[in-house]
């Protein structure tokens, strides 16, 4: 492979995607939920293993796993709440006769033109 063909190819090529990127607050909530859920799974595994071995850590780890499960449930629910709040603030209201749809259509059309 000579140097001319190597420079002709691009290292990074943008692919057109059908879906848009999630808004920043929703993406932050989703990342937070994934991290909390992974810690919850780790706590649950440690709680199980300590209770199988009969360790003194079994009770505190089980309590921590239960509390983490409640927190993880809330964090997953937080994704949905954040998404709904973002949609309402961005102009998409759940009423079919809302004037926000017309304003959003105009804004999207202007973005496509630009």
PDB file of N, CA and C in Angstrom:
ATOM      1  N   UNK A   1       0.845  -1.169   0.000  1.00  0.00           N
ATOM      2  CA  UNK A   1       0.000   0.000   0.000  1.00  0.00           C
ATOM      3  C   UNK A   1       0.894   1.236   0.000  1.00  0.00           C
ATOM      4  N   UNK A   2       0.732   2.073  -0.993  1.00  0.00           N
ATOM      5  CA  UNK A   2       1.589   3.261  -1.060  1.00  0.00           C
ATOM      6  C   UNK A   2       0.964   4.433  -0.294  1.00  0.00           C
ATOM      7  N   UNK A   3       1.716   5.497  -0.170  1.00  0.00           N
ATOM      8  CA  UNK A   3       1.293   6.634   0.647  1.00  0.00           C
ATOM      9  C   UNK A   3       0.117   7.387   0.041  1.00  0.00           C
ATOM     10  N   UNK A   4      -0.028   7.379  -1.276  1.00  0.00           N
ATOM     11  CA  UNK A   4      -1.110   8.130  -1.906  1.00  0.00           C
ATOM     12  C   UNK A   4      -2.476   7.551  -1.557  1.00  0.00           C
ATOM     13  N   UNK A   5      -2.604   6.236  -1.584  1.00  0.00           N
ATOM     14  CA  UNK A   5      -3.900   5.640  -1.243  1.00  0.00           C
ATOM     15  C   UNK A   5      -4.171   5.734   0.246  1.00  0.00           C
ATOM     16  N   UNK A   6      -3.139   5.762   1.027  1.00  0.00           N
ATOM     17  CA  UNK A   6      -3.314   5.863   2.477  1.00  0.00           C
ATOM     18  C   UNK A   6      -3.870   7.236   2.856  1.00  0.00           C
ATOM     19  N   UNK A   7      -3.412   8.295   2.218  1.00  0.00           N
ATOM     20  CA  UNK A   7      -3.904   9.635   2.532  1.00  0.00           C
ATOM     21  C   UNK A   7      -5.261   9.906   1.908  1.00  0.00           C
ATOM     22  N   UNK A   8      -5.637   9.179   0.883  1.00  0.00           N
ATOM     23  CA  UNK A   8      -6.924   9.404   0.229  1.00  0.00           C
ATOM     24  C   UNK A   8      -8.083   8.909   1.094  1.00  0.00           C
ATOM     25  N   UNK A   9      -7.864   7.879   1.866  1.00  0.00           N
ATOM     26  CA  UNK A   9      -8.923   7.371   2.730  1.00  0.00           C
ATOM     27  C   UNK A   9      -9.043   8.229   3.977  1.00  0.00           C
ATOM     28  N   UNK A  10     -10.256   8.373   4.443  1.00  0.00           N
ATOM     29  CA  UNK A  10     -10.475   9.125   5.672  1.00  0.00           C
ATOM     30  C   UNK A  10     -10.438   8.172   6.849  1.00  0.00           C
ATOM     31  N   UNK A  11      -9.952   8.684   7.948  1.00  0.00           N
ATOM     32  CA  UNK A  11      -9.903   7.872   9.155  1.00  0.00           C
ATOM     33  C   UNK A  11     -11.286   7.759   9.787  1.00  0.00           C
ATOM     34  N   UNK A  12     -12.044   8.860   9.740  1.00  0.00           N
ATOM     35  CA  UNK A  12     -13.346   8.886  10.388  1.00  0.00           C
ATOM     36  C   UNK A  12     -14.380   9.305   9.365  1.00  0.00           C
ATOM     37  N   UNK A  13     -15.429   8.509   9.196  1.00  0.00           N
ATOM     38  CA  UNK A  13     -16.497   8.821   8.264  1.00  0.00           C
ATOM     39  C   UNK A  13     -17.803   8.876   9.036  1.00  0.00           C
ATOM     40  N   UNK A  14     -18.525   9.977   8.905  1.00  0.00           N
ATOM     41  CA  UNK A  14     -19.810  10.125   9.580  1.00  0.00           C
ATOM     42  C   UNK A  14     -20.870   9.331   8.839  1.00  0.00           C
ATOM     43  N   UNK A  15     -21.590   8.506   9.549  1.00  0.00           N
ATOM     44  CA  UNK A  15     -22.710   7.777   8.971  1.00  0.00           C
ATOM     45  C   UNK A  15     -23.998   8.518   9.289  1.00  0.00           C
ATOM     46  N   UNK A  16     -24.887   8.564   8.316  1.00  0.00           N
ATOM     47  CA  UNK A  16     -26.186   9.170   8.562  1.00  0.00           C
ATOM     48  C   UNK A  16     -27.016   8.193   9.386  1.00  0.00           C
ATOM     49  N   UNK A  17     -27.566   8.706  10.468  1.00  0.00           N
ATOM     50  CA  UNK A  17     -28.361   7.858  11.350  1.00  0.00           C
ATOM     51  C   UNK A  17     -29.827   8.220  11.223  1.00  0.00           C
ATOM     52  N   UNK A  18     -30.664   7.238  11.412  1.00  0.00           N
ATOM     53  CA  UNK A  18     -32.092   7.474  11.359  1.00  0.00           C
ATOM     54  C   UNK A  18     -32.626   8.128  12.623  1.00  0.00           C
ATOM     55  N   UNK A  19     -32.003   7.849  13.741  1.00  0.00           N
ATOM     56  CA  UNK A  19     -32.475   8.402  15.017  1.00  0.00           C
ATOM     57  C   UNK A  19     -31.545   9.514  15.471  1.00  0.00           C
ATOM     58  N   UNK A  20     -32.131  10.493  16.136  1.00  0.00           N
ATOM     59  CA  UNK A  20     -31.331  11.575  16.666  1.00  0.00           C
ATOM     60  C   UNK A  20     -30.727  11.179  18.002  1.00  0.00           C
ATOM     61  N   UNK A  21     -29.729  11.919  18.394  1.00  0.00           N
ATOM     62  CA  UNK A  21     -29.096  11.696  19.683  1.00  0.00           C
ATOM     63  C   UNK A  21     -30.024  12.144  20.797  1.00  0.00           C
ATOM     64  N   UNK A  22     -29.957  11.432  21.927  1.00  0.00           N
ATOM     65  CA  UNK A  22     -30.794  11.808  23.054  1.00  0.00           C
ATOM     66  C   UNK A  22     -30.385  13.179  23.570  1.00  0.00           C
ATOM     67  N   UNK A  23     -31.332  13.941  24.101  1.00  0.00           N
ATOM     68  CA  UNK A  23     -30.969  15.224  24.711  1.00  0.00           C
ATOM     69  C   UNK A  23     -30.033  15.007  25.897  1.00  0.00           C
ATOM     70  N   UNK A  24     -29.211  16.004  26.184  1.00  0.00           N
ATOM     71  CA  UNK A  24     -28.205  15.868  27.239  1.00  0.00           C
ATOM     72  C   UNK A  24     -28.782  15.476  28.594  1.00  0.00           C
ATOM     73  N   UNK A  25     -29.867  16.103  29.091  1.00  0.00           N
ATOM     74  CA  UNK A  25     -30.378  15.683  30.406  1.00  0.00           C
ATOM     75  C   UNK A  25     -30.847  14.233  30.429  1.00  0.00           C
ATOM     76  N   UNK A  26     -31.460  13.798  29.340  1.00  0.00           N
ATOM     77  CA  UNK A  26     -31.950  12.410  29.277  1.00  0.00           C
ATOM     78  C   UNK A  26     -30.774  11.452  29.207  1.00  0.00           C
ATOM     79  N   UNK A  27     -29.765  11.809  28.413  1.00  0.00           N
ATOM     80  CA  UNK A  27     -28.579  10.953  28.325  1.00  0.00           C
ATOM     81  C   UNK A  27     -27.849  10.878  29.663  1.00  0.00           C
ATOM     82  N   UNK A  28     -27.762  12.009  30.376  1.00  0.00           N
ATOM     83  CA  UNK A  28     -27.134  11.998  31.702  1.00  0.00           C
ATOM     84  C   UNK A  28     -27.897  11.090  32.660  1.00  0.00           C
ATOM     85  N   UNK A  29     -29.228  11.154  32.626  1.00  0.00           N
ATOM     86  CA  UNK A  29     -30.037  10.289  33.484  1.00  0.00           C
ATOM     87  C   UNK A  29     -29.847   8.822  33.117  1.00  0.00           C
ATOM     88  N   UNK A  30     -29.721   8.532  31.821  1.00  0.00           N
ATOM     89  CA  UNK A  30     -29.529   7.142  31.390  1.00  0.00           C
ATOM     90  C   UNK A  30     -28.170   6.609  31.822  1.00  0.00           C
ATOM     91  N   UNK A  31     -27.133   7.427  31.698  1.00  0.00           N
ATOM     92  CA  UNK A  31     -25.803   6.995  32.138  1.00  0.00           C
ATOM     93  C   UNK A  31     -25.786   6.773  33.636  1.00  0.00           C
ATOM     94  N   UNK A  32     -26.419   7.686  34.358  1.00  0.00           N
ATOM     95  CA  UNK A  32     -26.495   7.546  35.817  1.00  0.00           C
ATOM     96  C   UNK A  32     -27.226   6.261  36.198  1.00  0.00           C
ATOM     97  N   UNK A  33     -28.319   5.959  35.498  1.00  0.00           N
ATOM     98  CA  UNK A  33     -29.091   4.749  35.796  1.00  0.00           C
ATOM     99  C   UNK A  33     -28.290   3.488  35.503  1.00  0.00           C
ATOM    100  N   UNK A  34     -27.534   3.486  34.424  1.00  0.00           N
ATOM    101  CA  UNK A  34     -26.717   2.305  34.094  1.00  0.00           C
ATOM    102  C   UNK A  34     -25.647   2.090  35.155  1.00  0.00           C
ATOM    103  N   UNK A  35     -25.018   3.172  35.590  1.00  0.00           N
ATOM    104  CA  UNK A  35     -23.969   3.025  36.611  1.00  0.00           C
ATOM    105  C   UNK A  35     -24.552   2.545  37.937  1.00  0.00           C
ATOM    106  N   UNK A  36     -25.681   3.100  38.340  1.00  0.00           N
ATOM    107  CA  UNK A  36     -26.312   2.671  39.594  1.00  0.00           C
ATOM    108  C   UNK A  36     -26.780   1.226  39.488  1.00  0.00           C
ATOM    109  N   UNK A  37     -27.330   0.852  38.336  1.00  0.00           N
ATOM    110  CA  UNK A  37     -27.786  -0.533  38.162  1.00  0.00           C
ATOM    111  C   UNK A  37     -26.621  -1.517  38.201  1.00  0.00           C
ATOM    112  N   UNK A  38     -25.482  -1.137  37.628  1.00  0.00           N
ATOM    113  CA  UNK A  38     -24.335  -2.047  37.660  1.00  0.00           C
ATOM    114  C   UNK A  38     -23.804  -2.211  39.082  1.00  0.00           C
ATOM    115  N   UNK A  39     -23.781  -1.139  39.852  1.00  0.00           N
ATOM    116  CA  UNK A  39     -23.360  -1.258  41.256  1.00  0.00           C
ATOM    117  C   UNK A  39     -24.354  -2.130  42.024  1.00  0.00           C
ATOM    118  N   UNK A  40     -25.639  -2.007  41.715  1.00  0.00           N
ATOM    119  CA  UNK A  40     -26.660  -2.819  42.376  1.00  0.00           C
ATOM    120  C   UNK A  40     -26.467  -4.298  42.070  1.00  0.00           C
ATOM    121  N   UNK A  41     -26.155  -4.617  40.837  1.00  0.00           N
ATOM    122  CA  UNK A  41     -25.926  -6.018  40.473  1.00  0.00           C
ATOM    123  C   UNK A  41     -24.695  -6.560  41.203  1.00  0.00           C
ATOM    124  N   UNK A  42     -23.657  -5.756  41.287  1.00  0.00           N
ATOM    125  CA  UNK A  42     -22.450  -6.185  42.010  1.00  0.00           C
ATOM    126  C   UNK A  42     -22.773  -6.420  43.482  1.00  0.00           C
ATOM    127  N   UNK A  43     -23.534  -5.505  44.091  1.00  0.00           N
ATOM    128  CA  UNK A  43     -23.917  -5.683  45.501  1.00  0.00           C
ATOM    129  C   UNK A  43     -24.764  -6.936  45.698  1.00  0.00           C
ATOM    130  N   UNK A  44     -25.660  -7.203  44.757  1.00  0.00           N
ATOM    131  CA  UNK A  44     -26.506  -8.392  44.886  1.00  0.00           C
ATOM    132  C   UNK A  44     -25.675  -9.666  44.783  1.00  0.00           C
ATOM    133  N   UNK A  45     -24.704  -9.692  43.890  1.00  0.00           N
ATOM    134  CA  UNK A  45     -23.843 -10.875  43.758  1.00  0.00           C
ATOM    135  C   UNK A  45     -23.001 -11.062  45.017  1.00  0.00           C
ATOM    136  N   UNK A  46     -22.445  -9.973  45.532  1.00  0.00           N
ATOM    137  CA  UNK A  46     -21.644 -10.072  46.758  1.00  0.00           C
ATOM    138  C   UNK A  46     -22.518 -10.510  47.928  1.00  0.00           C
ATOM    139  N   UNK A  47     -23.738  -9.991  48.010  1.00  0.00           N
ATOM    140  CA  UNK A  47     -24.648 -10.408  49.081  1.00  0.00           C
ATOM    141  C   UNK A  47     -24.967 -11.893  48.973  1.00  0.00           C
ATOM    142  N   UNK A  48     -25.183 -12.366  47.768  1.00  0.00           N
ATOM    143  CA  UNK A  48     -25.466 -13.790  47.581  1.00  0.00           C
ATOM    144  C   UNK A  48     -24.269 -14.653  47.970  1.00  0.00           C
ATOM    145  N   UNK A  49     -23.101 -14.256  47.498  1.00  0.00           N
ATOM    146  CA  UNK A  49     -21.917 -15.060  47.789  1.00  0.00           C
ATOM    147  C   UNK A  49     -21.569 -15.055  49.275  1.00  0.00           C
ATOM    148  N   UNK A  50     -21.728 -13.913  49.939  1.00  0.00           N
ATOM    149  CA  UNK A  50     -21.434 -13.884  51.381  1.00  0.00           C
ATOM    150  C   UNK A  50     -22.462 -14.677  52.170  1.00  0.00           C
ATOM    151  N   UNK A  51     -23.711 -14.702  51.718  1.00  0.00           N
ATOM    152  CA  UNK A  51     -24.691 -15.505  52.451  1.00  0.00           C
ATOM    153  C   UNK A  51     -24.498 -16.998  52.193  1.00  0.00           C
ATOM    154  N   UNK A  52     -24.000 -17.376  51.017  1.00  0.00           N
ATOM    155  CA  UNK A  52     -23.707 -18.788  50.746  1.00  0.00           C
ATOM    156  C   UNK A  52     -22.548 -19.261  51.613  1.00  0.00           C
ATOM    157  N   UNK A  53     -21.550 -18.415  51.785  1.00  0.00           N
ATOM    158  CA  UNK A  53     -20.382 -18.807  52.588  1.00  0.00           C
ATOM    159  C   UNK A  53     -20.615 -18.644  54.082  1.00  0.00           C
ATOM    160  N   UNK A  54     -21.703 -17.991  54.473  1.00  0.00           N
ATOM    161  CA  UNK A  54     -21.990 -17.817  55.892  1.00  0.00           C
ATOM    162  C   UNK A  54     -21.144 -16.737  56.540  1.00  0.00           C
ATOM    163  N   UNK A  55     -20.710 -15.783  55.782  1.00  0.00           N
ATOM    164  CA  UNK A  55     -19.872 -14.707  56.302  1.00  0.00           C
ATOM    165  C   UNK A  55     -20.705 -13.732  57.134  1.00  0.00           C
ATOM    166  N   UNK A  56     -20.034 -13.002  58.008  1.00  0.00           N
ATOM    167  CA  UNK A  56     -20.717 -12.012  58.829  1.00  0.00           C
ATOM    168  C   UNK A  56     -21.147 -10.805  57.989  1.00  0.00           C
ATOM    169  N   UNK A  57     -20.589 -10.667  56.783  1.00  0.00           N
ATOM    170  CA  UNK A  57     -20.960  -9.565  55.895  1.00  0.00           C
ATOM    171  C   UNK A  57     -22.270  -9.804  55.144  1.00  0.00           C
ATOM    172  N   UNK A  58     -22.855 -10.988  55.319  1.00  0.00           N
ATOM    173  CA  UNK A  58     -24.053 -11.323  54.548  1.00  0.00           C
ATOM    174  C   UNK A  58     -25.211 -10.375  54.860  1.00  0.00           C
ATOM    175  N   UNK A  59     -25.455 -10.103  56.127  1.00  0.00           N
ATOM    176  CA  UNK A  59     -26.573  -9.235  56.505  1.00  0.00           C
ATOM    177  C   UNK A  59     -26.364  -7.794  56.021  1.00  0.00           C
ATOM    178  N   UNK A  60     -25.219  -7.162  56.293  1.00  0.00           N
ATOM    179  CA  UNK A  60     -25.056  -5.787  55.790  1.00  0.00           C
ATOM    180  C   UNK A  60     -25.082  -5.692  54.260  1.00  0.00           C
ATOM    181  N   UNK A  61     -24.543  -6.686  53.597  1.00  0.00           N
ATOM    182  CA  UNK A  61     -24.551  -6.645  52.136  1.00  0.00           C
ATOM    183  C   UNK A  61     -25.961  -6.852  51.583  1.00  0.00           C
ATOM    184  N   UNK A  62     -26.761  -7.660  52.250  1.00  0.00           N
ATOM    185  CA  UNK A  62     -28.144  -7.846  51.811  1.00  0.00           C
ATOM    186  C   UNK A  62     -28.939  -6.563  51.991  1.00  0.00           C
ATOM    187  N   UNK A  63     -28.743  -5.896  53.120  1.00  0.00           N
ATOM    188  CA  UNK A  63     -29.416  -4.608  53.344  1.00  0.00           C
ATOM    189  C   UNK A  63     -28.966  -3.594  52.291  1.00  0.00           C
ATOM    190  N   UNK A  64     -27.670  -3.554  52.007  1.00  0.00           N
ATOM    191  CA  UNK A  64     -27.155  -2.624  50.995  1.00  0.00           C
ATOM    192  C   UNK A  64     -27.719  -2.951  49.612  1.00  0.00           C
ATOM    193  N   UNK A  65     -27.869  -4.226  49.300  1.00  0.00           N
ATOM    194  CA  UNK A  65     -28.422  -4.614  48.002  1.00  0.00           C
ATOM    195  C   UNK A  65     -29.889  -4.217  47.882  1.00  0.00           C
ATOM    196  N   UNK A  66     -30.634  -4.340  48.957  1.00  0.00           N
ATOM    197  CA  UNK A  66     -32.051  -3.938  48.934  1.00  0.00           C
ATOM    198  C   UNK A  66     -32.177  -2.424  48.748  1.00  0.00           C
ATOM    199  N   UNK A  67     -31.364  -1.664  49.484  1.00  0.00           N
ATOM    200  CA  UNK A  67     -31.390  -0.206  49.345  1.00  0.00           C
ATOM    201  C   UNK A  67     -30.955   0.198  47.936  1.00  0.00           C
ATOM    202  N   UNK A  68     -29.934  -0.458  47.411  1.00  0.00           N
ATOM    203  CA  UNK A  68     -29.461  -0.144  46.059  1.00  0.00           C
ATOM    204  C   UNK A  68     -30.515  -0.487  45.017  1.00  0.00           C
ATOM    205  N   UNK A  69     -31.309  -1.523  45.258  1.00  0.00           N
ATOM    206  CA  UNK A  69     -32.379  -1.875  44.333  1.00  0.00           C
ATOM    207  C   UNK A  69     -33.439  -0.782  44.286  1.00  0.00           C
ATOM    208  N   UNK A  70     -33.764  -0.223  45.433  1.00  0.00           N
ATOM    209  CA  UNK A  70     -34.729   0.884  45.480  1.00  0.00           C
ATOM    210  C   UNK A  70     -34.170   2.095  44.732  1.00  0.00           C
ATOM    211  N   UNK A  71     -32.908   2.406  44.963  1.00  0.00           N
ATOM    212  CA  UNK A  71     -32.278   3.544  44.291  1.00  0.00           C
ATOM    213  C   UNK A  71     -32.196   3.299  42.786  1.00  0.00           C
ATOM    214  N   UNK A  72     -31.870   2.085  42.376  1.00  0.00           N
ATOM    215  CA  UNK A  72     -31.792   1.769  40.949  1.00  0.00           C
ATOM    216  C   UNK A  72     -33.160   1.870  40.282  1.00  0.00           C
ATOM    217  N   UNK A  73     -34.191   1.450  40.986  1.00  0.00           N
ATOM    218  CA  UNK A  73     -35.542   1.572  40.448  1.00  0.00           C
ATOM    219  C   UNK A  73     -35.896   3.039  40.234  1.00  0.00           C
ATOM    220  N   UNK A  74     -35.565   3.884  41.194  1.00  0.00           N
ATOM    221  CA  UNK A  74     -35.828   5.308  41.050  1.00  0.00           C
ATOM    222  C   UNK A  74     -35.005   5.908  39.903  1.00  0.00           C
ATOM    223  N   UNK A  75     -33.769   5.475  39.741  1.00  0.00           N
ATOM    224  CA  UNK A  75     -32.936   6.045  38.691  1.00  0.00           C
ATOM    225  C   UNK A  75     -33.459   5.674  37.303  1.00  0.00           C
ATOM    226  N   UNK A  76     -34.005   4.476  37.163  1.00  0.00           N
ATOM    227  CA  UNK A  76     -34.591   4.086  35.881  1.00  0.00           C
ATOM    228  C   UNK A  76     -35.871   4.872  35.637  1.00  0.00           C
ATOM    229  N   UNK A  77     -36.648   5.100  36.685  1.00  0.00           N
ATOM    230  CA  UNK A  77     -37.844   5.929  36.564  1.00  0.00           C
ATOM    231  C   UNK A  77     -37.475   7.378  36.250  1.00  0.00           C
ATOM    232  N   UNK A  78     -36.328   7.819  36.739  1.00  0.00           N
ATOM    233  CA  UNK A  78     -35.855   9.176  36.495  1.00  0.00           C
ATOM    234  C   UNK A  78     -35.592   9.421  35.009  1.00  0.00           C
ATOM    235  N   UNK A  79     -35.196   8.392  34.283  1.00  0.00           N
ATOM    236  CA  UNK A  79     -34.997   8.536  32.836  1.00  0.00           C
ATOM    237  C   UNK A  79     -36.315   8.930  32.180  1.00  0.00           C
ATOM    238  N   UNK A  80     -37.373   8.233  32.542  1.00  0.00           N
ATOM    239  CA  UNK A  80     -38.680   8.499  31.957  1.00  0.00           C
ATOM    240  C   UNK A  80     -39.173   9.894  32.339  1.00  0.00           C
ATOM    241  N   UNK A  81     -39.013  10.261  33.598  1.00  0.00           N
ATOM    242  CA  UNK A  81     -39.455  11.581  34.053  1.00  0.00           C
ATOM    243  C   UNK A  81     -38.665  12.680  33.349  1.00  0.00           C
ATOM    244  N   UNK A  82     -37.350  12.525  33.272  1.00  0.00           N
ATOM    245  CA  UNK A  82     -36.518  13.529  32.613  1.00  0.00           C
ATOM    246  C   UNK A  82     -36.885  13.660  31.141  1.00  0.00           C
ATOM    247  N   UNK A  83     -37.171  12.544  30.508  1.00  0.00           N
ATOM    248  CA  UNK A  83     -37.554  12.567  29.094  1.00  0.00           C
ATOM    249  C   UNK A  83     -38.866  13.315  28.893  1.00  0.00           C
ATOM    250  N   UNK A  84     -39.841  13.056  29.760  1.00  0.00           N
ATOM    251  CA  UNK A  84     -41.127  13.740  29.648  1.00  0.00           C
ATOM    252  C   UNK A  84     -40.972  15.237  29.897  1.00  0.00           C
ATOM    253  N   UNK A  85     -40.195  15.602  30.913  1.00  0.00           N
ATOM    254  CA  UNK A  85     -39.977  17.019  31.220  1.00  0.00           C
ATOM    255  C   UNK A  85     -39.279  17.700  30.048  1.00  0.00           C
ATOM    256  N   UNK A  86     -38.271  17.047  29.477  1.00  0.00           N
ATOM    257  CA  UNK A  86     -37.559  17.645  28.358  1.00  0.00           C
ATOM    258  C   UNK A  86     -38.476  17.847  27.167  1.00  0.00           C
ATOM    259  N   UNK A  87     -39.328  16.867  26.905  1.00  0.00           N
ATOM    260  CA  UNK A  87     -40.253  16.999  25.774  1.00  0.00           C
ATOM    261  C   UNK A  87     -41.204  18.170  25.971  1.00  0.00           C
ATOM    262  N   UNK A  88     -41.707  18.336  27.183  1.00  0.00           N
ATOM    263  CA  UNK A  88     -42.636  19.437  27.416  1.00  0.00           C
ATOM    264  C   UNK A  88     -41.925  20.780  27.337  1.00  0.00           C
ATOM    265  N   UNK A  89     -40.691  20.849  27.837  1.00  0.00           N
ATOM    266  CA  UNK A  89     -39.966  22.121  27.782  1.00  0.00           C
ATOM    267  C   UNK A  89     -39.495  22.433  26.375  1.00  0.00           C
ATOM    268  N   UNK A  90     -39.278  21.425  25.561  1.00  0.00           N
ATOM    269  CA  UNK A  90     -38.795  21.644  24.195  1.00  0.00           C
ATOM    270  C   UNK A  90     -39.935  21.939  23.237  1.00  0.00           C
ATOM    271  N   UNK A  91     -41.157  21.967  23.727  1.00  0.00           N
ATOM    272  CA  UNK A  91     -42.275  22.361  22.885  1.00  0.00           C
ATOM    273  C   UNK A  91     -43.169  21.244  22.403  1.00  0.00           C
ATOM    274  N   UNK A  92     -42.913  20.013  22.797  1.00  0.00           N
ATOM    275  CA  UNK A  92     -43.779  18.920  22.393  1.00  0.00           C
ATOM    276  C   UNK A  92     -44.685  18.592  23.566  1.00  0.00           C
ATOM    277  N   UNK A  93     -45.923  19.058  23.484  1.00  0.00           N
ATOM    278  CA  UNK A  93     -46.892  18.849  24.555  1.00  0.00           C
ATOM    279  C   UNK A  93     -47.779  17.688  24.148  1.00  0.00           C
ATOM    280  N   UNK A  94     -48.320  16.961  25.127  1.00  0.00           N
ATOM    281  CA  UNK A  94     -49.065  15.762  24.803  1.00  0.00           C
ATOM    282  C   UNK A  94     -50.465  15.997  24.270  1.00  0.00           C
ATOM    283  N   UNK A  95     -50.889  17.218  24.115  1.00  0.00           N
ATOM    284  CA  UNK A  95     -52.222  17.480  23.593  1.00  0.00           C
ATOM    285  C   UNK A  95     -52.164  17.519  22.064  1.00  0.00           C
ATOM    286  N   UNK A  96     -53.069  16.796  21.395  1.00  0.00           N
ATOM    287  CA  UNK A  96     -53.023  16.764  19.933  1.00  0.00           C
ATOM    288  C   UNK A  96     -53.267  18.131  19.290  1.00  0.00           C
ATOM    289  N   UNK A  97     -54.059  18.990  19.936  1.00  0.00           N
ATOM    290  CA  UNK A  97     -54.380  20.281  19.328  1.00  0.00           C
ATOM    291  C   UNK A  97     -53.408  21.373  19.755  1.00  0.00           C
ATOM    292  N   UNK A  98     -52.289  20.989  20.297  1.00  0.00           N
ATOM    293  CA  UNK A  98     -51.347  21.971  20.809  1.00  0.00           C
ATOM    294  C   UNK A  98     -50.718  22.789  19.691  1.00  0.00           C
ATOM    295  N   UNK A  99     -50.514  24.069  19.954  1.00  0.00           N
ATOM    296  CA  UNK A  99     -49.842  24.937  18.987  1.00  0.00           C
ATOM    297  C   UNK A  99     -48.340  24.712  19.014  1.00  0.00           C
ATOM    298  N   UNK A 100     -47.872  23.972  20.014  1.00  0.00           N
ATOM    299  CA  UNK A 100     -46.435  23.707  20.099  1.00  0.00           C
ATOM    300  C   UNK A 100     -45.966  22.852  18.935  1.00  0.00           C
ATOM    301  N   UNK A 101     -46.848  21.985  18.415  1.00  0.00           N
ATOM    302  CA  UNK A 101     -46.456  21.147  17.282  1.00  0.00           C
ATOM    303  C   UNK A 101     -46.131  22.003  16.065  1.00  0.00           C
ATOM    304  N   UNK A 102     -46.956  23.012  15.806  1.00  0.00           N
ATOM    305  CA  UNK A 102     -46.720  23.873  14.643  1.00  0.00           C
ATOM    306  C   UNK A 102     -45.408  24.632  14.801  1.00  0.00           C
ATOM    307  N   UNK A 103     -45.149  25.138  16.015  1.00  0.00           N
ATOM    308  CA  UNK A 103     -43.897  25.857  16.253  1.00  0.00           C
ATOM    309  C   UNK A 103     -42.704  24.928  16.097  1.00  0.00           C
ATOM    310  N   UNK A 104     -42.838  23.702  16.555  1.00  0.00           N
ATOM    311  CA  UNK A 104     -41.730  22.749  16.442  1.00  0.00           C
ATOM    312  C   UNK A 104     -41.509  22.367  14.985  1.00  0.00           C
ATOM    313  N   UNK A 105     -42.599  22.169  14.234  1.00  0.00           N
ATOM    314  CA  UNK A 105     -42.460  21.844  12.812  1.00  0.00           C
ATOM    315  C   UNK A 105     -41.725  22.955  12.067  1.00  0.00           C
ATOM    316  N   UNK A 106     -42.065  24.203  12.395  1.00  0.00           N
ATOM    317  CA  UNK A 106     -41.387  25.324  11.745  1.00  0.00           C
ATOM    318  C   UNK A 106     -39.912  25.349  12.104  1.00  0.00           C
ATOM    319  N   UNK A 107     -39.599  25.103  13.370  1.00  0.00           N
ATOM    320  CA  UNK A 107     -38.209  25.112  13.815  1.00  0.00           C
ATOM    321  C   UNK A 107     -37.410  23.994  13.156  1.00  0.00           C
ATOM    322  N   UNK A 108     -38.009  22.800  13.055  1.00  0.00           N
ATOM    323  CA  UNK A 108     -37.333  21.671  12.406  1.00  0.00           C
ATOM    324  C   UNK A 108     -37.144  21.958  10.924  1.00  0.00           C
ATOM    325  N   UNK A 109     -38.140  22.564  10.289  1.00  0.00           N
ATOM    326  CA  UNK A 109     -38.016  22.894   8.865  1.00  0.00           C
ATOM    327  C   UNK A 109     -36.901  23.910   8.644  1.00  0.00           C
ATOM    328  N   UNK A 110     -36.789  24.883   9.533  1.00  0.00           N
ATOM    329  CA  UNK A 110     -35.711  25.870   9.419  1.00  0.00           C
ATOM    330  C   UNK A 110     -34.346  25.223   9.616  1.00  0.00           C
ATOM    331  N   UNK A 111     -34.271  24.254  10.537  1.00  0.00           N
ATOM    332  CA  UNK A 111     -33.004  23.562  10.766  1.00  0.00           C
ATOM    333  C   UNK A 111     -32.601  22.738   9.552  1.00  0.00           C
ATOM    334  N   UNK A 112     -33.579  22.136   8.897  1.00  0.00           N
ATOM    335  CA  UNK A 112     -33.278  21.324   7.707  1.00  0.00           C
ATOM    336  C   UNK A 112     -32.774  22.194   6.572  1.00  0.00           C
ATOM    337  N   UNK A 113     -33.350  23.385   6.446  1.00  0.00           N
ATOM    338  CA  UNK A 113     -32.934  24.302   5.383  1.00  0.00           C
ATOM    339  C   UNK A 113     -31.511  24.789   5.637  1.00  0.00           C
ATOM    340  N   UNK A 114     -31.216  25.070   6.901  1.00  0.00           N
ATOM    341  CA  UNK A 114     -29.903  25.628   7.237  1.00  0.00           C
ATOM    342  C   UNK A 114     -28.796  24.608   7.177  1.00  0.00           C
TER     343      UNK A 114
END
